[in-house]
Amino acid sequence: MKAINRMAYLIALILTSLVSVYGQSSQDSSQEEPVVVSTNLVTINVIVTDNKGRYVKGLKSDQFSVYDENATQKLAHFSVGIGIVCEIHGAAPAHVSAMLAALKQFVGTLRERDDFFFTGYGPNGSVTTEFIPSANQVIEHLSVVKPGGPSALYDVIYSAAGRLRQSRNLKRALLVIADGQDDRSKHSYDELRNRLREFDAQIYAIGISDPAMDQFAGYRRWVFEDFTRQTGRRSFLLNSEAAMGRAVLGEMARVSGGTTYSPESESEPELTGICTQIALELREQYTLGFYPSDLTSRKWHRIKVRVDPLQGSSGLSLSYRKAYQIANIKGS
């Protein structure tokens, strides 16, 4: 009965959040949820596109202007620190191999000053490395060795967020590859969601299937598209648990300003394509940072970003967070 109540509460919470999102105009990016920062530095990831939706490259820091409550701020650029959280299904080694192969290509796009870590987890615990292991290595470690550490999604992401905060790079992103289902974590969904709001990093989520629960895991699925909301193609899920897992991943990404992907076949080429898209978006973002002059106010600060266009370009669109709040966060 407790599990049922918990599931019902979680469904209501997510649906409430989604209603608040879809009730806004898709053309108005100024209504995004504000971000809470727990350090003096405020970072803003800005995506610049032209009137054909193409990324605009080559902009310099002196072409950007950032205003905090209409006060001009001094800017800086940063390298990126990335945490990778990957759910390992030992019963599907071929799927794990495809996923890890895609991740190896993903980290191959990182620059010398970027850094990353990999956390694989399963029912027995988790393992964290600073390289992408082989499928045999990670499956054997999680199934034969007693790894300890968090073994459920919310706890693993909670722990990974703390580790990512220690990165020397101030631009941070978390890539989560999982089915989104969790009924064993010590941390609740509310606690995780609040932590993600307080943590100035983007989450990119790739929703995969649990082969023990989905007989079509690893095969191309029926897909649907909601033309009224321009949602793009989405996989048709066979059960409510899988649908709930995808909703959780989507909400975590939305809160952080990231993106969720739902592969159809979970093959190596498809996963590689998704990872390439994430790498491209991370690389094409302009990360701007400033130290606010008022560190005592706990009100929401409104941010405006403007850019001087390149010669011959016009109609540029900017996508970024519109507000932040200073918060005192204890612990990691």
C-alpha atoms as a PDB file:
ATOM      1  CA  MET A   1       0.000   0.000   0.000  1.00  0.00           C
ATOM      2  CA  LYS A   2       2.896   2.378   0.779  1.00  0.00           C
ATOM      3  CA  ALA A   3       4.405   1.663  -2.620  1.00  0.00           C
ATOM      4  CA  ILE A   4       1.069   2.380  -4.330  1.00  0.00           C
ATOM      5  CA  ASN A   5       0.671   5.655  -2.457  1.00  0.00           C
ATOM      6  CA  ARG A   6       4.212   6.626  -3.325  1.00  0.00           C
ATOM      7  CA  MET A   7       3.636   5.886  -7.001  1.00  0.00           C
ATOM      8  CA  ALA A   8       0.380   7.847  -7.028  1.00  0.00           C
ATOM      9  CA  TYR A   9       2.061  10.835  -5.411  1.00  0.00           C
ATOM     10  CA  LEU A  10       4.898  10.696  -7.904  1.00  0.00           C
ATOM     11  CA  ILE A  11       2.503  10.543 -10.849  1.00  0.00           C
ATOM     12  CA  ALA A  12       0.570  13.532  -9.542  1.00  0.00           C
ATOM     13  CA  LEU A  13       3.760  15.536  -9.008  1.00  0.00           C
ATOM     14  CA  ILE A  14       5.092  14.879 -12.495  1.00  0.00           C
ATOM     15  CA  LEU A  15       1.760  15.512 -14.199  1.00  0.00           C
ATOM     16  CA  THR A  16       1.422  18.803 -12.336  1.00  0.00           C
ATOM     17  CA  SER A  17       4.853  19.863 -13.553  1.00  0.00           C
ATOM     18  CA  LEU A  18       4.141  18.800 -17.118  1.00  0.00           C
ATOM     19  CA  VAL A  19       0.811  20.646 -17.185  1.00  0.00           C
ATOM     20  CA  SER A  20       2.576  23.810 -16.082  1.00  0.00           C
ATOM     21  CA  VAL A  21       5.060  23.406 -18.941  1.00  0.00           C
ATOM     22  CA  TYR A  22       2.637  22.576 -21.744  1.00  0.00           C
ATOM     23  CA  GLY A  23       0.318  25.368 -20.652  1.00  0.00           C
ATOM     24  CA  GLN A  24       2.939  27.865 -21.822  1.00  0.00           C
ATOM     25  CA  SER A  25       3.581  28.916 -25.387  1.00  0.00           C
ATOM     26  CA  SER A  26       6.252  26.843 -27.076  1.00  0.00           C
ATOM     27  CA  GLN A  27       7.576  30.051 -28.660  1.00  0.00           C
ATOM     28  CA  ASP A  28       8.184  31.811 -25.339  1.00  0.00           C
ATOM     29  CA  SER A  29      11.414  30.546 -23.811  1.00  0.00           C
ATOM     30  CA  SER A  30      11.321  33.312 -21.175  1.00  0.00           C
ATOM     31  CA  GLN A  31       8.951  31.219 -19.070  1.00  0.00           C
ATOM     32  CA  GLU A  32      11.553  28.553 -18.237  1.00  0.00           C
ATOM     33  CA  GLU A  33      11.898  27.530 -14.611  1.00  0.00           C
ATOM     34  CA  PRO A  34      14.538  29.627 -12.807  1.00  0.00           C
ATOM     35  CA  VAL A  35      17.768  28.021 -11.650  1.00  0.00           C
ATOM     36  CA  VAL A  36      19.077  28.149  -8.084  1.00  0.00           C
ATOM     37  CA  VAL A  37      22.821  28.566  -7.618  1.00  0.00           C
ATOM     38  CA  SER A  38      24.691  27.585  -4.464  1.00  0.00           C
ATOM     39  CA  THR A  39      27.999  29.345  -5.253  1.00  0.00           C
ATOM     40  CA  ASN A  40      28.889  32.965  -5.926  1.00  0.00           C
ATOM     41  CA  LEU A  41      29.439  32.258  -9.614  1.00  0.00           C
ATOM     42  CA  VAL A  42      26.401  32.261 -11.894  1.00  0.00           C
ATOM     43  CA  THR A  43      26.770  30.334 -15.158  1.00  0.00           C
ATOM     44  CA  ILE A  44      24.437  30.577 -18.148  1.00  0.00           C
ATOM     45  CA  ASN A  45      24.402  28.199 -21.105  1.00  0.00           C
ATOM     46  CA  VAL A  46      23.280  30.066 -24.217  1.00  0.00           C
ATOM     47  CA  ILE A  47      22.344  28.451 -27.532  1.00  0.00           C
ATOM     48  CA  VAL A  48      22.386  30.826 -30.513  1.00  0.00           C
ATOM     49  CA  THR A  49      20.587  29.862 -33.724  1.00  0.00           C
ATOM     50  CA  ASP A  50      19.829  31.690 -36.946  1.00  0.00           C
ATOM     51  CA  ASN A  51      16.441  32.086 -38.603  1.00  0.00           C
ATOM     52  CA  LYS A  52      16.802  28.610 -40.151  1.00  0.00           C
ATOM     53  CA  GLY A  53      17.456  26.908 -36.810  1.00  0.00           C
ATOM     54  CA  ARG A  54      21.176  26.375 -37.430  1.00  0.00           C
ATOM     55  CA  TYR A  55      23.731  26.783 -34.631  1.00  0.00           C
ATOM     56  CA  VAL A  56      25.682  30.034 -34.898  1.00  0.00           C
ATOM     57  CA  LYS A  57      29.414  29.487 -34.390  1.00  0.00           C
ATOM     58  CA  GLY A  58      32.350  31.788 -33.928  1.00  0.00           C
ATOM     59  CA  LEU A  59      30.887  34.312 -31.512  1.00  0.00           C
ATOM     60  CA  LYS A  60      33.372  35.873 -29.092  1.00  0.00           C
ATOM     61  CA  SER A  61      32.797  36.749 -25.455  1.00  0.00           C
ATOM     62  CA  ASP A  62      32.906  40.477 -26.221  1.00  0.00           C
ATOM     63  CA  GLN A  63      29.892  40.046 -28.501  1.00  0.00           C
ATOM     64  CA  PHE A  64      27.718  38.971 -25.552  1.00  0.00           C
ATOM     65  CA  SER A  65      26.173  41.229 -22.951  1.00  0.00           C
ATOM     66  CA  VAL A  66      24.549  39.870 -19.775  1.00  0.00           C
ATOM     67  CA  TYR A  67      22.350  41.972 -17.527  1.00  0.00           C
ATOM     68  CA  ASP A  68      21.453  41.025 -13.961  1.00  0.00           C
ATOM     69  CA  GLU A  69      18.444  43.150 -13.007  1.00  0.00           C
ATOM     70  CA  ASN A  70      19.552  45.532 -15.817  1.00  0.00           C
ATOM     71  CA  ALA A  71      23.123  45.779 -14.453  1.00  0.00           C
ATOM     72  CA  THR A  72      25.857  44.796 -16.940  1.00  0.00           C
ATOM     73  CA  GLN A  73      28.031  41.845 -15.844  1.00  0.00           C
ATOM     74  CA  LYS A  74      31.619  40.850 -16.699  1.00  0.00           C
ATOM     75  CA  LEU A  75      31.803  37.485 -18.493  1.00  0.00           C
ATOM     76  CA  ALA A  76      34.041  34.418 -18.801  1.00  0.00           C
ATOM     77  CA  HIS A  77      34.056  31.101 -20.742  1.00  0.00           C
ATOM     78  CA  PHE A  78      34.695  27.633 -19.304  1.00  0.00           C
ATOM     79  CA  SER A  79      35.647  24.087 -20.190  1.00  0.00           C
ATOM     80  CA  VAL A  80      33.126  21.338 -19.436  1.00  0.00           C
ATOM     81  CA  GLY A  81      32.963  18.659 -16.749  1.00  0.00           C
ATOM     82  CA  ILE A  82      30.676  15.704 -17.507  1.00  0.00           C
ATOM     83  CA  GLY A  83      29.305  12.941 -15.332  1.00  0.00           C
ATOM     84  CA  ILE A  84      27.919   9.817 -17.020  1.00  0.00           C
ATOM     85  CA  VAL A  85      25.425   7.637 -15.136  1.00  0.00           C
ATOM     86  CA  CYS A  86      24.605   4.368 -16.859  1.00  0.00           C
ATOM     87  CA  GLU A  87      22.191   1.643 -15.754  1.00  0.00           C
ATOM     88  CA  ILE A  88      23.669  -1.793 -16.462  1.00  0.00           C
ATOM     89  CA  HIS A  89      21.331  -4.665 -17.301  1.00  0.00           C
ATOM     90  CA  GLY A  90      23.499  -7.764 -16.966  1.00  0.00           C
ATOM     91  CA  ALA A  91      20.882  -9.877 -18.754  1.00  0.00           C
ATOM     92  CA  ALA A  92      21.434  -7.902 -21.970  1.00  0.00           C
ATOM     93  CA  PRO A  93      25.215  -7.756 -22.599  1.00  0.00           C
ATOM     94  CA  ALA A  94      24.748  -6.877 -26.283  1.00  0.00           C
ATOM     95  CA  HIS A  95      22.759  -3.769 -25.326  1.00  0.00           C
ATOM     96  CA  VAL A  96      25.390  -2.814 -22.740  1.00  0.00           C
ATOM     97  CA  SER A  97      28.138  -3.200 -25.356  1.00  0.00           C
ATOM     98  CA  ALA A  98      26.260  -0.943 -27.796  1.00  0.00           C
ATOM     99  CA  MET A  99      25.738   1.671 -25.102  1.00  0.00           C
ATOM    100  CA  LEU A 100      29.388   1.689 -23.996  1.00  0.00           C
ATOM    101  CA  ALA A 101      30.623   1.835 -27.592  1.00  0.00           C
ATOM    102  CA  ALA A 102      28.504   4.948 -28.144  1.00  0.00           C
ATOM    103  CA  LEU A 103      29.842   6.484 -24.926  1.00  0.00           C
ATOM    104  CA  LYS A 104      33.457   5.865 -26.005  1.00  0.00           C
ATOM    105  CA  GLN A 105      32.811   7.874 -29.150  1.00  0.00           C
ATOM    106  CA  PHE A 106      31.074  10.537 -27.060  1.00  0.00           C
ATOM    107  CA  VAL A 107      34.015  11.073 -24.688  1.00  0.00           C
ATOM    108  CA  GLY A 108      36.322  11.069 -27.708  1.00  0.00           C
ATOM    109  CA  THR A 109      34.814  14.432 -28.660  1.00  0.00           C
ATOM    110  CA  LEU A 110      35.904  16.050 -25.378  1.00  0.00           C
ATOM    111  CA  ARG A 111      38.737  18.528 -25.383  1.00  0.00           C
ATOM    112  CA  GLU A 112      41.952  18.282 -23.383  1.00  0.00           C
ATOM    113  CA  ARG A 113      40.750  20.561 -20.596  1.00  0.00           C
ATOM    114  CA  ASP A 114      37.382  18.811 -20.295  1.00  0.00           C
ATOM    115  CA  ASP A 115      36.980  15.995 -17.786  1.00  0.00           C
ATOM    116  CA  PHE A 116      34.472  13.227 -17.153  1.00  0.00           C
ATOM    117  CA  PHE A 117      33.668  10.255 -14.963  1.00  0.00           C
ATOM    118  CA  PHE A 118      31.569   7.166 -15.588  1.00  0.00           C
ATOM    119  CA  THR A 119      29.273   5.505 -13.035  1.00  0.00           C
ATOM    120  CA  GLY A 120      27.678   2.186 -13.869  1.00  0.00           C
ATOM    121  CA  TYR A 121      25.081   0.819 -11.481  1.00  0.00           C
ATOM    122  CA  GLY A 122      22.933  -2.251 -10.968  1.00  0.00           C
ATOM    123  CA  PRO A 123      20.965  -3.972  -8.182  1.00  0.00           C
ATOM    124  CA  ASN A 124      24.146  -4.861  -6.251  1.00  0.00           C
ATOM    125  CA  GLY A 125      25.737  -1.438  -6.240  1.00  0.00           C
ATOM    126  CA  SER A 126      27.754   0.867  -8.475  1.00  0.00           C
ATOM    127  CA  VAL A 127      31.248   1.427  -9.805  1.00  0.00           C
ATOM    128  CA  THR A 128      32.837   4.737 -10.808  1.00  0.00           C
ATOM    129  CA  THR A 129      35.802   5.134 -13.162  1.00  0.00           C
ATOM    130  CA  GLU A 130      37.490   7.886 -15.156  1.00  0.00           C
ATOM    131  CA  PHE A 131      37.321   5.829 -18.347  1.00  0.00           C
ATOM    132  CA  ILE A 132      34.631   3.935 -20.255  1.00  0.00           C
ATOM    133  CA  PRO A 133      34.983   0.236 -19.352  1.00  0.00           C
ATOM    134  CA  SER A 134      34.143  -2.719 -21.551  1.00  0.00           C
ATOM    135  CA  ALA A 135      30.808  -4.487 -21.154  1.00  0.00           C
ATOM    136  CA  ASN A 136      32.515  -7.545 -19.641  1.00  0.00           C
ATOM    137  CA  GLN A 137      34.393  -5.411 -17.126  1.00  0.00           C
ATOM    138  CA  VAL A 138      31.400  -3.540 -15.799  1.00  0.00           C
ATOM    139  CA  ILE A 139      28.971  -6.501 -15.857  1.00  0.00           C
ATOM    140  CA  GLU A 140      31.455  -8.763 -14.091  1.00  0.00           C
ATOM    141  CA  HIS A 141      32.243  -6.155 -11.483  1.00  0.00           C
ATOM    142  CA  LEU A 142      28.612  -5.460 -10.694  1.00  0.00           C
ATOM    143  CA  SER A 143      27.531  -9.112 -10.687  1.00  0.00           C
ATOM    144  CA  VAL A 144      30.505 -10.951  -9.156  1.00  0.00           C
ATOM    145  CA  VAL A 145      32.219  -8.370  -6.969  1.00  0.00           C
ATOM    146  CA  LYS A 146      30.323  -6.669  -4.155  1.00  0.00           C
ATOM    147  CA  PRO A 147      30.799  -3.074  -5.268  1.00  0.00           C
ATOM    148  CA  GLY A 148      28.765  -1.308  -2.604  1.00  0.00           C
ATOM    149  CA  GLY A 149      27.718   2.279  -3.234  1.00  0.00           C
ATOM    150  CA  PRO A 150      24.290   3.428  -4.418  1.00  0.00           C
ATOM    151  CA  SER A 151      22.336   0.882  -6.446  1.00  0.00           C
ATOM    152  CA  ALA A 152      19.151   2.770  -7.421  1.00  0.00           C
ATOM    153  CA  LEU A 153      18.612   5.633  -9.849  1.00  0.00           C
ATOM    154  CA  TYR A 154      17.805   8.546  -7.527  1.00  0.00           C
ATOM    155  CA  ASP A 155      20.646   7.703  -5.138  1.00  0.00           C
ATOM    156  CA  VAL A 156      23.127   7.273  -8.004  1.00  0.00           C
ATOM    157  CA  ILE A 157      22.226  10.605  -9.604  1.00  0.00           C
ATOM    158  CA  TYR A 158      22.271  12.300  -6.196  1.00  0.00           C
ATOM    159  CA  SER A 159      25.784  10.953  -5.589  1.00  0.00           C
ATOM    160  CA  ALA A 160      26.965  11.773  -9.119  1.00  0.00           C
ATOM    161  CA  ALA A 161      25.765  15.366  -8.749  1.00  0.00           C
ATOM    162  CA  GLY A 162      27.919  15.718  -5.634  1.00  0.00           C
ATOM    163  CA  ARG A 163      30.948  14.335  -7.469  1.00  0.00           C
ATOM    164  CA  LEU A 164      30.355  16.584 -10.453  1.00  0.00           C
ATOM    165  CA  ARG A 165      30.337  19.643  -8.214  1.00  0.00           C
ATOM    166  CA  GLN A 166      33.984  18.877  -7.453  1.00  0.00           C
ATOM    167  CA  SER A 167      34.961  19.182 -11.116  1.00  0.00           C
ATOM    168  CA  ARG A 168      37.566  21.853 -11.819  1.00  0.00           C
ATOM    169  CA  ASN A 169      35.434  22.924 -14.775  1.00  0.00           C
ATOM    170  CA  LEU A 170      32.559  25.245 -14.006  1.00  0.00           C
ATOM    171  CA  LYS A 171      30.451  24.227 -16.998  1.00  0.00           C
ATOM    172  CA  ARG A 172      28.877  20.913 -16.007  1.00  0.00           C
ATOM    173  CA  ALA A 173      26.554  18.361 -17.525  1.00  0.00           C
ATOM    174  CA  LEU A 174      25.206  14.990 -16.437  1.00  0.00           C
ATOM    175  CA  LEU A 175      24.373  12.301 -19.000  1.00  0.00           C
ATOM    176  CA  VAL A 176      21.936   9.719 -17.601  1.00  0.00           C
ATOM    177  CA  ILE A 177      21.216   6.477 -19.469  1.00  0.00           C
ATOM    178  CA  ALA A 178      18.550   4.511 -17.616  1.00  0.00           C
ATOM    179  CA  ASP A 179      14.962   3.282 -17.710  1.00  0.00           C
ATOM    180  CA  GLY A 180      13.961   5.910 -15.122  1.00  0.00           C
ATOM    181  CA  GLN A 181      12.322   3.435 -12.722  1.00  0.00           C
ATOM    182  CA  ASP A 182      13.195   3.464  -9.031  1.00  0.00           C
ATOM    183  CA  ASP A 183      11.473   2.116  -5.924  1.00  0.00           C
ATOM    184  CA  ARG A 184      14.550   1.442  -3.758  1.00  0.00           C
ATOM    185  CA  SER A 185      16.382   4.748  -3.321  1.00  0.00           C
ATOM    186  CA  LYS A 186      16.962   6.329   0.063  1.00  0.00           C
ATOM    187  CA  HIS A 187      16.429   9.741  -1.510  1.00  0.00           C
ATOM    188  CA  SER A 188      12.917  10.599  -2.634  1.00  0.00           C
ATOM    189  CA  TYR A 189      12.034  12.036  -6.007  1.00  0.00           C
ATOM    190  CA  ASP A 190      11.316  15.385  -4.308  1.00  0.00           C
ATOM    191  CA  GLU A 191      14.785  15.447  -2.739  1.00  0.00           C
ATOM    192  CA  LEU A 192      16.446  14.656  -6.055  1.00  0.00           C
ATOM    193  CA  ARG A 193      14.407  17.219  -7.950  1.00  0.00           C
ATOM    194  CA  ASN A 194      15.285  19.937  -5.420  1.00  0.00           C
ATOM    195  CA  ARG A 195      18.959  19.004  -5.600  1.00  0.00           C
ATOM    196  CA  LEU A 196      18.914  19.288  -9.362  1.00  0.00           C
ATOM    197  CA  ARG A 197      17.334  22.734  -9.165  1.00  0.00           C
ATOM    198  CA  GLU A 198      20.051  23.828  -6.734  1.00  0.00           C
ATOM    199  CA  PHE A 199      22.814  22.337  -8.844  1.00  0.00           C
ATOM    200  CA  ASP A 200      23.868  24.467 -11.815  1.00  0.00           C
ATOM    201  CA  ALA A 201      24.287  21.659 -14.352  1.00  0.00           C
ATOM    202  CA  GLN A 202      22.313  20.365 -17.307  1.00  0.00           C
ATOM    203  CA  ILE A 203      20.992  16.818 -17.444  1.00  0.00           C
ATOM    204  CA  TYR A 204      20.749  14.925 -20.720  1.00  0.00           C
ATOM    205  CA  ALA A 205      18.762  11.706 -20.378  1.00  0.00           C
ATOM    206  CA  ILE A 206      18.541   8.699 -22.692  1.00  0.00           C
ATOM    207  CA  GLY A 207      15.634   6.433 -21.806  1.00  0.00           C
ATOM    208  CA  ILE A 208      16.425   2.735 -22.285  1.00  0.00           C
ATOM    209  CA  SER A 209      14.346  -0.381 -21.636  1.00  0.00           C
ATOM    210  CA  ASP A 210      14.648  -3.013 -18.935  1.00  0.00           C
ATOM    211  CA  PRO A 211      14.863  -6.309 -20.879  1.00  0.00           C
ATOM    212  CA  ALA A 212      13.391  -8.168 -17.918  1.00  0.00           C
ATOM    213  CA  MET A 213      10.157  -6.157 -18.243  1.00  0.00           C
ATOM    214  CA  ASP A 214       9.999  -5.330 -21.959  1.00  0.00           C
ATOM    215  CA  GLN A 215       9.972  -8.210 -24.422  1.00  0.00           C
ATOM    216  CA  PHE A 216      10.629  -5.789 -27.301  1.00  0.00           C
ATOM    217  CA  ALA A 217      13.699  -4.166 -25.709  1.00  0.00           C
ATOM    218  CA  GLY A 218      16.379  -3.722 -28.341  1.00  0.00           C
ATOM    219  CA  TYR A 219      13.967  -3.912 -31.297  1.00  0.00           C
ATOM    220  CA  ARG A 220      12.513  -1.081 -33.322  1.00  0.00           C
ATOM    221  CA  ARG A 221       9.248   0.104 -31.797  1.00  0.00           C
ATOM    222  CA  TRP A 222       6.056   1.716 -32.899  1.00  0.00           C
ATOM    223  CA  VAL A 223       6.383   5.453 -32.455  1.00  0.00           C
ATOM    224  CA  PHE A 224       3.912   8.315 -32.208  1.00  0.00           C
ATOM    225  CA  GLU A 225       4.041  12.072 -32.473  1.00  0.00           C
ATOM    226  CA  ASP A 226       1.820  14.707 -30.883  1.00  0.00           C
ATOM    227  CA  PHE A 227       1.415  17.209 -33.729  1.00  0.00           C
ATOM    228  CA  THR A 228      -0.444  19.664 -31.488  1.00  0.00           C
ATOM    229  CA  ARG A 229       2.656  20.182 -29.329  1.00  0.00           C
ATOM    230  CA  GLN A 230       5.471  19.411 -31.773  1.00  0.00           C
ATOM    231  CA  THR A 231       6.880  16.802 -29.413  1.00  0.00           C
ATOM    232  CA  GLY A 232       8.735  14.854 -32.089  1.00  0.00           C
ATOM    233  CA  ARG A 233       8.725  11.073 -32.420  1.00  0.00           C
ATOM    234  CA  ARG A 234       8.314   9.085 -29.214  1.00  0.00           C
ATOM    235  CA  SER A 235       8.427   5.368 -28.537  1.00  0.00           C
ATOM    236  CA  PHE A 236       5.201   3.589 -27.666  1.00  0.00           C
ATOM    237  CA  LEU A 237       5.714   2.010 -24.223  1.00  0.00           C
ATOM    238  CA  LEU A 238       3.948  -1.183 -23.276  1.00  0.00           C
ATOM    239  CA  ASN A 239       3.410  -0.653 -19.550  1.00  0.00           C
ATOM    240  CA  SER A 240       2.796   2.106 -17.044  1.00  0.00           C
ATOM    241  CA  GLU A 241       6.074   1.502 -15.177  1.00  0.00           C
ATOM    242  CA  ALA A 242       8.101   2.157 -18.328  1.00  0.00           C
ATOM    243  CA  ALA A 243       6.022   5.255 -19.123  1.00  0.00           C
ATOM    244  CA  MET A 244       6.528   6.562 -15.593  1.00  0.00           C
ATOM    245  CA  GLY A 245      10.275   6.017 -15.881  1.00  0.00           C
ATOM    246  CA  ARG A 246      10.442   8.057 -19.070  1.00  0.00           C
ATOM    247  CA  ALA A 247       8.366  10.814 -17.450  1.00  0.00           C
ATOM    248  CA  VAL A 248      10.799  10.962 -14.523  1.00  0.00           C
ATOM    249  CA  LEU A 249      13.777  11.273 -16.869  1.00  0.00           C
ATOM    250  CA  GLY A 250      11.984  13.962 -18.849  1.00  0.00           C
ATOM    251  CA  GLU A 251      11.198  15.974 -15.743  1.00  0.00           C
ATOM    252  CA  MET A 252      14.769  15.769 -14.417  1.00  0.00           C
ATOM    253  CA  ALA A 253      16.120  17.004 -17.741  1.00  0.00           C
ATOM    254  CA  ARG A 254      13.529  19.775 -17.965  1.00  0.00           C
ATOM    255  CA  VAL A 255      14.291  21.119 -14.501  1.00  0.00           C
ATOM    256  CA  SER A 256      17.984  21.406 -15.378  1.00  0.00           C
ATOM    257  CA  GLY A 257      17.487  22.812 -18.867  1.00  0.00           C
ATOM    258  CA  GLY A 258      18.651  19.621 -20.616  1.00  0.00           C
ATOM    259  CA  THR A 259      17.037  17.250 -23.110  1.00  0.00           C
ATOM    260  CA  THR A 260      15.558  13.733 -23.062  1.00  0.00           C
ATOM    261  CA  TYR A 261      15.956  11.172 -25.845  1.00  0.00           C
ATOM    262  CA  SER A 262      13.972   7.956 -26.356  1.00  0.00           C
ATOM    263  CA  PRO A 263      15.734   5.509 -28.703  1.00  0.00           C
ATOM    264  CA  GLU A 264      13.561   3.251 -30.825  1.00  0.00           C
ATOM    265  CA  SER A 265      15.915   0.277 -31.195  1.00  0.00           C
ATOM    266  CA  GLU A 266      18.768   1.077 -28.739  1.00  0.00           C
ATOM    267  CA  SER A 267      21.278  -0.059 -31.350  1.00  0.00           C
ATOM    268  CA  GLU A 268      24.860   1.178 -31.416  1.00  0.00           C
ATOM    269  CA  PRO A 269      24.322   3.461 -34.461  1.00  0.00           C
ATOM    270  CA  GLU A 270      21.201   4.999 -32.921  1.00  0.00           C
ATOM    271  CA  LEU A 271      22.820   5.545 -29.519  1.00  0.00           C
ATOM    272  CA  THR A 272      25.931   6.940 -31.179  1.00  0.00           C
ATOM    273  CA  GLY A 273      23.787   9.391 -33.106  1.00  0.00           C
ATOM    274  CA  ILE A 274      22.103  10.571 -29.911  1.00  0.00           C
ATOM    275  CA  CYS A 275      25.424  10.957 -28.086  1.00  0.00           C
ATOM    276  CA  THR A 276      26.807  12.870 -31.064  1.00  0.00           C
ATOM    277  CA  GLN A 277      23.828  15.244 -30.916  1.00  0.00           C
ATOM    278  CA  ILE A 278      24.390  15.825 -27.181  1.00  0.00           C
ATOM    279  CA  ALA A 279      28.109  16.434 -27.745  1.00  0.00           C
ATOM    280  CA  LEU A 280      27.289  18.894 -30.529  1.00  0.00           C
ATOM    281  CA  GLU A 281      24.848  20.817 -28.358  1.00  0.00           C
ATOM    282  CA  LEU A 282      27.325  20.974 -25.476  1.00  0.00           C
ATOM    283  CA  ARG A 283      30.050  22.165 -27.810  1.00  0.00           C
ATOM    284  CA  GLU A 284      27.898  24.727 -29.594  1.00  0.00           C
ATOM    285  CA  GLN A 285      26.618  26.269 -26.365  1.00  0.00           C
ATOM    286  CA  TYR A 286      28.191  29.489 -25.192  1.00  0.00           C
ATOM    287  CA  THR A 287      28.762  29.268 -21.448  1.00  0.00           C
ATOM    288  CA  LEU A 288      28.867  32.653 -19.785  1.00  0.00           C
ATOM    289  CA  GLY A 289      29.597  33.330 -16.127  1.00  0.00           C
ATOM    290  CA  PHE A 290      29.595  36.257 -13.749  1.00  0.00           C
ATOM    291  CA  TYR A 291      29.849  37.022 -10.036  1.00  0.00           C
ATOM    292  CA  PRO A 292      26.743  38.910  -8.878  1.00  0.00           C
ATOM    293  CA  SER A 293      27.325  42.018  -6.811  1.00  0.00           C
ATOM    294  CA  ASP A 294      24.417  41.335  -4.446  1.00  0.00           C
ATOM    295  CA  LEU A 295      25.044  38.058  -2.578  1.00  0.00           C
ATOM    296  CA  THR A 296      22.625  38.730   0.273  1.00  0.00           C
ATOM    297  CA  SER A 297      19.362  38.885  -1.624  1.00  0.00           C
ATOM    298  CA  ARG A 298      17.424  35.617  -1.918  1.00  0.00           C
ATOM    299  CA  LYS A 299      14.994  36.980  -4.478  1.00  0.00           C
ATOM    300  CA  TRP A 300      14.828  35.744  -8.062  1.00  0.00           C
ATOM    301  CA  HIS A 301      17.233  37.725 -10.239  1.00  0.00           C
ATOM    302  CA  ARG A 302      16.117  38.335 -13.804  1.00  0.00           C
ATOM    303  CA  ILE A 303      18.756  37.781 -16.498  1.00  0.00           C
ATOM    304  CA  LYS A 304      18.920  39.177 -20.003  1.00  0.00           C
ATOM    305  CA  VAL A 305      21.472  38.090 -22.591  1.00  0.00           C
ATOM    306  CA  ARG A 306      22.087  40.007 -25.797  1.00  0.00           C
ATOM    307  CA  VAL A 307      24.488  39.325 -28.644  1.00  0.00           C
ATOM    308  CA  ASP A 308      25.956  41.523 -31.350  1.00  0.00           C
ATOM    309  CA  PRO A 309      25.390  39.517 -34.547  1.00  0.00           C
ATOM    310  CA  LEU A 310      28.135  38.606 -36.985  1.00  0.00           C
ATOM    311  CA  GLN A 311      28.406  40.733 -40.097  1.00  0.00           C
ATOM    312  CA  GLY A 312      25.782  39.645 -42.588  1.00  0.00           C
ATOM    313  CA  SER A 313      23.716  37.682 -40.046  1.00  0.00           C
ATOM    314  CA  SER A 314      20.328  38.659 -38.703  1.00  0.00           C
ATOM    315  CA  GLY A 315      17.330  37.206 -36.930  1.00  0.00           C
ATOM    316  CA  LEU A 316      19.378  35.381 -34.269  1.00  0.00           C
ATOM    317  CA  SER A 317      17.514  33.521 -31.505  1.00  0.00           C
ATOM    318  CA  LEU A 318      18.919  32.959 -28.023  1.00  0.00           C
ATOM    319  CA  SER A 319      17.876  30.163 -25.665  1.00  0.00           C
ATOM    320  CA  TYR A 320      18.998  30.396 -22.030  1.00  0.00           C
ATOM    321  CA  ARG A 321      17.867  30.489 -18.420  1.00  0.00           C
ATOM    322  CA  LYS A 322      15.956  33.654 -17.570  1.00  0.00           C
ATOM    323  CA  ALA A 323      16.458  33.856 -13.802  1.00  0.00           C
ATOM    324  CA  TYR A 324      18.497  32.570 -10.862  1.00  0.00           C
ATOM    325  CA  GLN A 325      18.454  32.648  -7.087  1.00  0.00           C
ATOM    326  CA  ILE A 326      21.354  32.634  -4.641  1.00  0.00           C
ATOM    327  CA  ALA A 327      20.995  29.823  -2.105  1.00  0.00           C
ATOM    328  CA  ASN A 328      23.135  28.488   0.710  1.00  0.00           C
ATOM    329  CA  ILE A 329      23.508  24.744   0.144  1.00  0.00           C
ATOM    330  CA  LYS A 330      25.310  22.719   2.781  1.00  0.00           C
ATOM    331  CA  GLY A 331      27.235  19.589   1.955  1.00  0.00           C
ATOM    332  CA  SER A 332      27.907  18.080  -1.441  1.00  0.00           C
END
